[in-house]
Amino acid sequence: MGVVQTEDRKAARMKRKDEHLKYFLMSRPSRSNGFTDVVLQNNSLPDADFDEISTEYVFLNKYIDCPLMINAMTGGTEYSGDINRELARLAVKFNIPIAVGSQTVAFDNPEAADTFKRVRDINRDGIVIANLSANSDIDDAYKAIDMIDADAVQLHLNAVQEMCMAEGDRSFRGVLDNIKEIAALAGVPVIVKETGFGMSFETAGKLYAAGVRYIDIGGKGGTNFVSIESLRNSERNCSFLEDWGIPTALSLLECRKASSDMFIICSGGISKAEEVIKALCMDADMAAIGGAILRILLEQGCDAAEKYLEELIYEIKVLMLLLGARDVSDLKNVQYLLKGEIRELALSL
């Protein structure tokens, strides 16, 4: 009986991977990530030469060409493995980090494991980041890291998504203690990642106290897993959570206030160069994109995805010039203004 249940669970996990991609394409971001309330001012005297603008950056002791990451998305089935292959090729071409999707499906399934391993096979020298639930134990963390020879491991927090899944977890007791153990024993940096609903000041503070030094805030404004899971779950309507979460810009302000030396990756609806630049000016250490590049890849193809990243990085350099920033570190000194809802909420922090 146990073997049958295990096989059923494997099949269900693999089916879920492709369903997430299917329903992702049917959904559209409908919530603001808050960056329209962040204002940057033109520098009419930039005292810089465009050809000397540098986006080079050091992350996890490796040089990358831009403080931009392809975030965790998929893996586990042949279809999602093909997507991982193309995303890995983009990471190599632009020399930026890439995180794989949740690897739990591959722990007992060699065929599924290959859909993650191909990311490292293609991106041999670059930064590749493992991914699994923060509910996982240290042994599973070791498996995920070893599977792709990972430079770091993401532990994702997705209580909102789980509550919208008919088959989702219902217990989240002990997660912080679990994170603390993995952070102490993993042997590689641990990045704790939200999945589209934002991290609060309190959450960031608890993670820092637990020994975590890298977070990915995963704010509201990008892929909405409430919408995706509502399409999958015919048993329960979760529309009351459609607007749940902390907008990305506000989450960034909260998390930076919680710790001045936490490495913050800003994700959550990031799709434009202006949003990347605003995040960096607001003291994020890196930005990450997920849904934006995935949608282009799936709807328009590999060449369009490559062109998108090429233009995005070019536009980042243009904006750096117009702000008088010769390198990424200069963006920390660029002043920004807040307006509207984000300003009002930030005043209460």
Protein backbone atom coordinates (compact mmCIF):
# COMPACT_ATOMS: atom_id res chain seq x y z
CA MET A 1 0.00 0.00 0.00
CA GLY A 2 2.84 2.36 0.89
CA VAL A 3 4.54 1.81 -2.48
CA VAL A 4 1.30 2.57 -4.34
CA GLN A 5 0.81 5.76 -2.34
CA THR A 6 4.40 6.81 -3.05
CA GLU A 7 3.95 6.25 -6.79
CA ASP A 8 0.69 8.18 -6.75
CA ARG A 9 2.40 11.03 -4.95
CA LYS A 10 5.22 11.11 -7.52
CA ALA A 11 2.73 11.19 -10.39
CA ALA A 12 0.72 13.95 -8.72
CA ARG A 13 3.82 16.10 -8.19
CA MET A 14 4.88 15.74 -11.82
CA LYS A 15 1.37 16.50 -13.06
CA ARG A 16 1.31 19.61 -10.86
CA LYS A 17 4.54 20.90 -12.43
CA ASP A 18 3.04 21.03 -15.91
CA GLU A 19 -0.30 22.31 -14.63
CA HIS A 20 1.45 25.26 -13.02
CA LEU A 21 2.97 26.16 -16.39
CA LYS A 22 -0.36 25.74 -18.17
CA TYR A 23 -2.28 27.93 -15.75
CA PHE A 24 0.55 30.44 -15.49
CA LEU A 25 0.05 31.18 -19.18
CA MET A 26 -3.67 31.59 -18.60
CA SER A 27 -3.12 34.10 -15.80
CA ARG A 28 -1.91 37.68 -15.98
CA PRO A 29 -0.35 39.83 -13.24
CA SER A 30 -3.13 42.11 -12.05
CA ARG A 31 -1.61 43.57 -8.90
CA SER A 32 0.85 46.44 -8.59
CA ASN A 33 4.32 45.69 -7.24
CA GLY A 34 4.50 49.25 -5.89
CA PHE A 35 7.37 50.56 -8.00
CA THR A 36 5.15 53.10 -9.77
CA ASP A 37 5.15 54.91 -6.41
CA VAL A 38 8.96 55.14 -6.46
CA VAL A 39 10.31 58.19 -8.28
CA LEU A 40 13.84 58.66 -9.59
CA GLN A 41 15.10 62.05 -10.71
CA ASN A 42 17.05 62.76 -13.87
CA ASN A 43 20.67 63.77 -13.43
CA SER A 44 21.36 66.42 -16.09
CA LEU A 45 25.07 66.40 -15.23
CA PRO A 46 25.88 62.69 -15.01
CA ASP A 47 29.68 63.12 -15.49
CA ALA A 48 29.88 59.62 -17.00
CA ASP A 49 30.74 57.93 -20.29
CA PHE A 50 28.23 55.29 -21.42
CA ASP A 51 31.02 53.02 -22.65
CA GLU A 52 32.47 53.00 -19.15
CA ILE A 53 29.23 52.12 -17.34
CA SER A 54 29.76 48.78 -15.60
CA THR A 55 27.07 46.40 -14.37
CA GLU A 56 29.66 43.84 -13.27
CA TYR A 57 28.97 42.43 -9.83
CA VAL A 58 30.23 39.80 -7.38
CA PHE A 59 27.72 37.31 -6.01
CA LEU A 60 28.58 34.17 -4.05
CA ASN A 61 32.26 34.82 -4.75
CA LYS A 62 31.79 34.72 -8.53
CA TYR A 63 31.80 37.55 -11.04
CA ILE A 64 28.55 38.09 -12.90
CA ASP A 65 27.76 40.59 -15.64
CA CYS A 66 24.71 42.16 -13.99
CA PRO A 67 23.05 42.03 -10.53
CA LEU A 68 20.13 40.18 -12.07
CA MET A 69 19.01 36.60 -11.52
CA ILE A 70 16.76 34.17 -13.37
CA ASN A 71 14.61 33.03 -10.50
CA ALA A 72 13.26 29.59 -9.58
CA MET A 73 10.45 28.48 -11.85
CA THR A 74 10.21 24.87 -12.94
CA GLY A 75 11.63 21.38 -13.49
CA GLY A 76 10.54 17.80 -12.96
CA THR A 77 8.92 16.84 -16.27
CA GLU A 78 10.31 16.62 -19.78
CA TYR A 79 8.45 19.77 -20.80
CA SER A 80 9.73 21.75 -17.83
CA GLY A 81 13.18 20.26 -18.32
CA ASP A 82 13.27 21.70 -21.83
CA ILE A 83 12.41 25.08 -20.33
CA ASN A 84 15.22 24.72 -17.81
CA ARG A 85 17.64 23.97 -20.63
CA GLU A 86 16.77 27.20 -22.43
CA LEU A 87 16.86 29.26 -19.24
CA ALA A 88 20.29 27.83 -18.45
CA ARG A 89 21.54 28.83 -21.89
CA LEU A 90 20.34 32.37 -21.26
CA ALA A 91 22.11 32.41 -17.90
CA VAL A 92 25.34 31.36 -19.60
CA LYS A 93 25.04 33.89 -22.42
CA PHE A 94 24.47 36.81 -20.07
CA ASN A 95 26.59 35.42 -17.20
CA ILE A 96 23.88 35.80 -14.56
CA PRO A 97 22.76 33.42 -11.79
CA ILE A 98 19.91 30.96 -12.23
CA ALA A 99 17.80 29.12 -9.66
CA VAL A 100 15.93 25.92 -10.49
CA GLY A 101 12.38 25.14 -9.43
CA SER A 102 11.51 22.97 -6.44
CA GLN A 103 13.51 19.74 -6.62
CA THR A 104 11.40 17.62 -4.25
CA VAL A 105 9.84 15.81 -7.20
CA ALA A 106 13.29 14.53 -8.20
CA PHE A 107 14.44 13.01 -4.92
CA ASP A 108 13.06 9.56 -5.75
CA ASN A 109 12.82 9.91 -9.49
CA PRO A 110 16.03 9.79 -11.58
CA GLU A 111 14.22 10.93 -14.72
CA ALA A 112 12.93 14.04 -12.97
CA ALA A 113 16.38 14.68 -11.51
CA ASP A 114 17.80 15.02 -15.01
CA THR A 115 15.50 17.98 -15.71
CA PHE A 116 17.36 19.87 -12.99
CA LYS A 117 20.84 18.47 -13.61
CA ARG A 118 20.81 19.77 -17.18
CA VAL A 119 20.97 23.32 -15.79
CA ARG A 120 24.39 22.59 -14.30
CA ASP A 121 25.44 20.55 -17.33
CA ILE A 122 24.90 23.63 -19.50
CA ASN A 123 25.98 26.23 -16.97
CA ARG A 124 29.17 24.52 -15.77
CA ASP A 125 30.99 27.53 -14.34
CA GLY A 126 28.16 29.91 -13.52
CA ILE A 127 26.03 30.32 -10.43
CA VAL A 128 23.31 27.68 -10.09
CA ILE A 129 21.00 27.70 -7.08
CA ALA A 130 19.06 24.75 -5.70
CA ASN A 131 15.48 25.05 -4.48
CA LEU A 132 13.19 23.21 -2.10
CA SER A 133 10.52 23.87 0.49
CA ALA A 134 11.52 25.42 3.79
CA ASN A 135 9.63 22.47 5.33
CA SER A 136 12.31 20.11 4.00
CA ASP A 137 14.91 18.57 6.29
CA ILE A 138 18.68 18.88 6.13
CA ASP A 139 19.08 15.55 4.29
CA ASP A 140 16.81 16.76 1.51
CA ALA A 141 18.77 20.01 1.39
CA TYR A 142 21.96 18.00 0.86
CA LYS A 143 20.26 16.03 -1.93
CA ALA A 144 19.10 19.19 -3.69
CA ILE A 145 22.53 20.80 -3.45
CA ASP A 146 24.41 17.71 -4.60
CA MET A 147 22.00 17.10 -7.48
CA ILE A 148 23.14 20.22 -9.32
CA ASP A 149 26.39 21.03 -7.54
CA ALA A 150 24.66 24.16 -6.29
CA ASP A 151 26.39 27.36 -5.24
CA ALA A 152 23.53 28.10 -2.82
CA VAL A 153 20.10 26.76 -1.92
CA GLN A 154 16.77 28.55 -1.86
CA LEU A 155 14.26 27.54 0.79
CA HIS A 156 10.89 28.72 -0.41
CA LEU A 157 8.08 29.94 1.82
CA ASN A 158 4.69 29.40 0.19
CA ALA A 159 2.05 29.11 2.90
CA VAL A 160 -0.45 31.09 0.82
CA GLN A 161 -0.04 28.81 -2.18
CA GLU A 162 -0.22 25.65 -0.07
CA MET A 163 -3.48 26.80 1.50
CA CYS A 164 -4.97 27.24 -1.98
CA MET A 165 -3.93 23.74 -3.12
CA ALA A 166 -6.31 20.85 -2.50
CA GLU A 167 -3.26 18.67 -1.83
CA GLY A 168 -1.23 21.40 -0.12
CA ASP A 169 0.43 21.38 3.29
CA ARG A 170 -1.62 22.54 6.25
CA SER A 171 1.00 22.54 8.99
CA PHE A 172 3.78 25.13 9.14
CA ARG A 173 4.96 24.50 12.69
CA GLY A 174 8.71 24.47 13.22
CA VAL A 175 9.60 25.99 9.85
CA LEU A 176 11.85 28.67 11.36
CA ASP A 177 13.74 26.10 13.45
CA ASN A 178 14.12 23.99 10.31
CA ILE A 179 15.53 26.95 8.38
CA LYS A 180 17.94 27.66 11.24
CA GLU A 181 19.28 24.09 11.11
CA ILE A 182 19.72 24.10 7.34
CA ALA A 183 21.40 27.52 7.42
CA ALA A 184 23.89 26.19 9.97
CA LEU A 185 24.61 22.86 8.28
CA ALA A 186 24.03 23.19 4.53
CA GLY A 187 27.62 24.08 3.66
CA VAL A 188 26.47 26.63 1.07
CA PRO A 189 24.65 29.95 1.50
CA VAL A 190 20.95 29.61 2.24
CA ILE A 191 18.52 32.01 0.55
CA VAL A 192 15.05 32.11 2.06
CA LYS A 193 12.54 33.01 -0.63
CA GLU A 194 8.92 34.13 -0.60
CA THR A 195 6.80 33.13 -3.57
CA GLY A 196 4.82 36.20 -4.53
CA PHE A 197 3.32 37.53 -1.31
CA GLY A 198 6.18 39.54 0.17
CA MET A 199 8.23 39.42 3.36
CA SER A 200 7.50 41.68 6.30
CA PHE A 201 9.83 43.52 8.66
CA GLU A 202 9.07 40.90 11.32
CA THR A 203 9.78 37.95 9.03
CA ALA A 204 13.11 39.37 7.89
CA GLY A 205 14.10 40.02 11.51
CA LYS A 206 13.29 36.46 12.56
CA LEU A 207 15.24 35.04 9.64
CA TYR A 208 18.25 37.19 10.44
CA ALA A 209 18.15 36.06 14.08
CA ALA A 210 18.04 32.45 12.83
CA GLY A 211 21.33 32.93 10.97
CA VAL A 212 19.97 33.64 7.49
CA ARG A 213 21.94 36.27 5.59
CA TYR A 214 20.28 36.02 2.16
CA ILE A 215 16.60 36.56 1.42
CA ASP A 216 14.51 36.85 -1.74
CA ILE A 217 11.51 38.96 -0.79
CA GLY A 218 9.19 37.67 -3.56
CA GLY A 219 6.72 40.52 -3.24
CA LYS A 220 3.17 40.96 -4.46
CA GLY A 221 2.87 42.15 -8.05
CA GLY A 222 4.09 39.28 -10.19
CA THR A 223 2.89 35.71 -10.66
CA ASN A 224 -0.16 35.20 -8.48
CA PHE A 225 -0.28 31.63 -7.25
CA VAL A 226 -3.71 32.21 -5.75
CA SER A 227 -5.04 32.63 -9.30
CA ILE A 228 -3.08 29.64 -10.57
CA GLU A 229 -4.15 27.33 -7.75
CA SER A 230 -7.75 28.50 -8.01
CA LEU A 231 -7.76 27.25 -11.59
CA ARG A 232 -6.41 23.89 -10.39
CA ASN A 233 -8.59 23.52 -7.31
CA SER A 234 -12.25 22.87 -8.06
CA GLU A 235 -12.98 22.04 -4.42
CA ARG A 236 -12.47 25.47 -2.89
CA ASN A 237 -12.65 29.08 -4.07
CA CYS A 238 -9.64 31.04 -2.79
CA SER A 239 -10.51 34.31 -4.50
CA PHE A 240 -10.65 36.02 -1.09
CA LEU A 241 -6.83 35.85 -1.17
CA GLU A 242 -6.46 37.35 -4.65
CA ASP A 243 -5.08 40.64 -3.31
CA TRP A 244 -3.22 39.23 -0.32
CA GLY A 245 0.40 40.18 0.20
CA ILE A 246 2.94 42.97 0.54
CA PRO A 247 3.79 44.91 -2.65
CA THR A 248 7.38 44.31 -3.68
CA ALA A 249 8.56 47.89 -3.18
CA LEU A 250 7.10 48.03 0.33
CA SER A 251 8.48 44.60 1.24
CA LEU A 252 11.93 45.79 0.16
CA LEU A 253 11.69 48.83 2.44
CA GLU A 254 10.52 46.68 5.35
CA CYS A 255 13.22 44.04 4.95
CA ARG A 256 16.02 46.57 4.59
CA LYS A 257 14.82 48.32 7.73
CA ALA A 258 14.97 44.96 9.53
CA SER A 259 18.65 44.50 8.69
CA SER A 260 21.31 46.71 7.17
CA ASP A 261 23.59 43.83 6.20
CA MET A 262 21.12 41.21 4.94
CA PHE A 263 21.71 40.40 1.26
CA ILE A 264 18.35 41.20 -0.32
CA ILE A 265 17.24 39.84 -3.67
CA CYS A 266 14.27 41.83 -4.93
CA SER A 267 11.71 39.85 -6.90
CA GLY A 268 7.98 40.10 -7.44
CA GLY A 269 6.76 41.39 -10.79
CA ILE A 270 10.15 42.69 -11.86
CA SER A 271 10.05 42.97 -15.65
CA LYS A 272 11.47 46.37 -16.63
CA ALA A 273 14.90 47.98 -16.37
CA GLU A 274 13.38 50.85 -14.40
CA GLU A 275 12.14 48.41 -11.76
CA VAL A 276 15.56 46.80 -11.47
CA ILE A 277 17.20 50.20 -11.07
CA LYS A 278 14.64 51.38 -8.53
CA ALA A 279 15.16 48.23 -6.47
CA LEU A 280 18.93 48.75 -6.46
CA CYS A 281 18.56 52.42 -5.53
CA MET A 282 16.31 51.31 -2.66
CA ASP A 283 19.21 49.21 -1.35
CA ALA A 284 18.39 45.81 -2.79
CA ASP A 285 21.58 43.91 -3.58
CA MET A 286 20.18 42.15 -6.63
CA ALA A 287 16.98 41.86 -8.63
CA ALA A 288 15.42 38.65 -9.93
CA ILE A 289 13.00 37.96 -12.75
CA GLY A 290 10.80 34.93 -13.21
CA GLY A 291 7.40 35.23 -14.84
CA ALA A 292 8.45 37.94 -17.28
CA ILE A 293 11.18 35.87 -18.94
CA LEU A 294 9.18 32.64 -18.71
CA ARG A 295 6.17 34.11 -20.50
CA ILE A 296 8.29 35.45 -23.35
CA LEU A 297 10.12 32.13 -23.67
CA LEU A 298 6.91 30.11 -23.80
CA GLU A 299 4.87 32.47 -25.99
CA GLN A 300 7.51 33.90 -28.33
CA GLY A 301 10.45 31.50 -28.23
CA CYS A 302 14.12 31.41 -27.32
CA ASP A 303 15.27 34.21 -29.62
CA ALA A 304 12.69 36.60 -28.18
CA ALA A 305 13.73 35.71 -24.63
CA GLU A 306 17.36 36.38 -25.50
CA LYS A 307 16.50 39.70 -27.09
CA TYR A 308 14.46 40.65 -24.04
CA LEU A 309 17.39 40.10 -21.68
CA GLU A 310 19.80 41.85 -24.03
CA GLU A 311 17.57 44.93 -24.18
CA LEU A 312 16.87 44.81 -20.43
CA ILE A 313 20.56 44.93 -19.55
CA TYR A 314 21.22 47.67 -22.11
CA GLU A 315 18.38 49.73 -20.64
CA ILE A 316 19.76 49.20 -17.14
CA LYS A 317 23.03 50.76 -18.30
CA VAL A 318 21.21 53.68 -19.93
CA LEU A 319 19.36 54.42 -16.70
CA MET A 320 22.57 54.15 -14.72
CA LEU A 321 24.09 56.84 -16.95
CA LEU A 322 21.05 59.08 -16.53
CA LEU A 323 21.40 58.76 -12.76
CA GLY A 324 25.13 59.43 -12.81
CA ALA A 325 25.99 55.91 -11.62
CA ARG A 326 29.16 54.54 -13.16
CA ASP A 327 28.86 51.16 -11.47
CA VAL A 328 26.35 49.24 -9.40
CA SER A 329 27.70 50.48 -6.09
CA ASP A 330 26.96 54.08 -7.13
CA LEU A 331 23.25 53.29 -7.22
CA LYS A 332 23.28 52.99 -3.43
CA ASN A 333 23.87 56.76 -3.32
CA VAL A 334 21.06 57.72 -5.68
CA GLN A 335 18.18 59.46 -3.92
CA TYR A 336 14.62 58.41 -4.61
CA LEU A 337 11.20 59.78 -3.70
CA LEU A 338 8.06 57.95 -2.63
CA LYS A 339 4.49 58.87 -3.46
CA GLY A 340 0.99 57.45 -3.14
CA GLU A 341 0.20 54.28 -1.24
CA ILE A 342 3.82 53.17 -0.81
CA ARG A 343 4.74 56.53 0.71
CA GLU A 344 1.80 56.37 3.11
CA LEU A 345 2.62 52.84 4.18
CA ALA A 346 6.35 53.53 4.44
CA LEU A 347 5.71 56.39 6.86
CA SER A 348 4.28 53.87 9.32
CA LEU A 349 7.32 51.60 9.28
